[in-house]
Protein backbone atom coordinates (compact mmCIF):
# COMPACT_ATOMS: atom_id res chain seq x y z
CA UNK A 1 0.00 0.00 0.00
CA UNK A 2 1.44 3.40 -0.99
CA UNK A 3 1.80 6.29 1.45
CA UNK A 4 -1.02 8.13 -0.28
CA UNK A 5 -3.33 5.14 -0.04
CA UNK A 6 -2.43 4.63 3.62
CA UNK A 7 -3.07 8.31 4.37
CA UNK A 8 -6.45 8.17 2.62
CA UNK A 9 -7.37 5.03 4.55
CA UNK A 10 -6.42 6.54 7.91
CA UNK A 11 -8.15 9.85 7.17
CA UNK A 12 -11.29 7.87 6.33
CA UNK A 13 -10.95 6.03 9.66
CA UNK A 14 -10.58 9.32 11.55
CA UNK A 15 -13.73 10.68 9.91
CA UNK A 16 -15.63 7.44 10.55
CA UNK A 17 -14.49 7.38 14.18
CA UNK A 18 -15.64 11.00 14.72
CA UNK A 19 -19.07 10.14 13.31
CA UNK A 20 -19.36 6.86 15.20
CA UNK A 21 -19.79 8.35 18.67
CA UNK A 22 -17.52 5.63 20.05
CA UNK A 23 -14.37 6.04 22.06
CA UNK A 24 -11.11 5.91 20.12
CA UNK A 25 -10.00 2.74 21.90
CA UNK A 26 -13.27 0.93 21.11
CA UNK A 27 -13.24 2.03 17.46
CA UNK A 28 -9.63 0.88 17.02
CA UNK A 29 -10.35 -2.51 18.61
CA UNK A 30 -13.38 -3.04 16.35
CA UNK A 31 -11.41 -2.16 13.21
CA UNK A 32 -8.07 -3.76 14.08
CA UNK A 33 -6.20 -0.46 14.27
CA UNK A 34 -3.26 0.41 16.48
CA UNK A 35 -4.42 2.96 19.06
CA UNK A 36 -1.20 5.00 18.83
CA UNK A 37 -1.36 5.11 15.04
CA UNK A 38 -4.93 6.37 15.25
CA UNK A 39 -3.88 9.01 17.79
CA UNK A 40 -1.15 10.18 15.38
CA UNK A 41 -3.63 10.58 12.53
CA UNK A 42 -6.20 12.31 14.75
CA UNK A 43 -3.53 14.83 15.78
CA UNK A 44 -2.51 15.29 12.15
CA UNK A 45 -6.10 16.04 11.15
CA UNK A 46 -6.55 18.40 14.10
CA UNK A 47 -3.39 20.35 13.17
CA UNK A 48 -4.64 20.96 9.62
CA UNK A 49 -8.14 22.09 10.57
CA UNK A 50 -8.90 25.77 10.07
CA UNK A 51 -9.40 27.47 13.41
CA UNK A 52 -12.66 29.30 13.99
CA UNK A 53 -13.03 32.64 15.66
CA UNK A 54 -11.90 36.16 15.02
CA UNK A 55 -9.33 37.07 12.41
CA UNK A 56 -6.94 39.93 13.19
CA UNK A 57 -7.28 42.85 10.78
CA UNK A 58 -5.36 46.04 10.11
CA UNK A 59 -7.21 49.25 9.46
CA UNK A 60 -6.12 51.20 6.41
CA UNK A 61 -5.92 54.97 6.82
CA UNK A 62 -8.91 56.62 5.23
CA UNK A 63 -10.86 53.38 5.06
CA UNK A 64 -13.82 52.28 7.07
CA UNK A 65 -14.70 49.16 8.98
CA UNK A 66 -17.41 46.83 7.76
CA UNK A 67 -18.83 44.34 10.25
CA UNK A 68 -20.73 41.42 8.69
CA UNK A 69 -22.89 39.43 11.09
CA UNK A 70 -23.79 35.75 10.47
CA UNK A 71 -27.44 36.71 9.91
CA UNK A 72 -26.45 38.83 6.87
CA UNK A 73 -26.59 42.26 8.49
CA UNK A 74 -23.72 44.53 7.39
CA UNK A 75 -22.62 47.49 9.46
CA UNK A 76 -20.25 50.09 7.94
CA UNK A 77 -18.37 52.15 10.52
CA UNK A 78 -16.12 55.18 9.97
CA UNK A 79 -12.37 54.61 10.23
CA UNK A 80 -11.95 57.22 12.97
CA UNK A 81 -14.35 55.43 15.33
CA UNK A 82 -12.54 54.47 18.57
CA UNK A 83 -11.61 50.78 18.71
CA UNK A 84 -13.63 50.33 21.91
CA UNK A 85 -16.78 51.24 20.00
CA UNK A 86 -15.82 48.99 17.07
CA UNK A 87 -15.31 46.15 19.56
CA UNK A 88 -18.73 46.86 21.08
CA UNK A 89 -20.38 46.56 17.66
CA UNK A 90 -18.52 43.31 16.95
CA UNK A 91 -19.82 41.82 20.21
CA UNK A 92 -23.45 42.75 19.47
CA UNK A 93 -24.26 39.50 17.74
């Protein structure tokens, strides 16, 4: 089995394990997998996942700030607005 095939197989196992609702040890025992190998691949997947949350931004002189809320509301704020007020608007949602 090539490295690529092995990686695909283990990534499929990680996804299946996450969806199974079972403990890692139980899943590995049922599928004949080495627990430490599975832990390695779970860590590898976790390290490549895109983190959620806020993204740092830099304000450009003369520009404004646009806050887009998950419900589709857009709020355009002037660039000279104090950061404390910008932060208050960000926390509204």
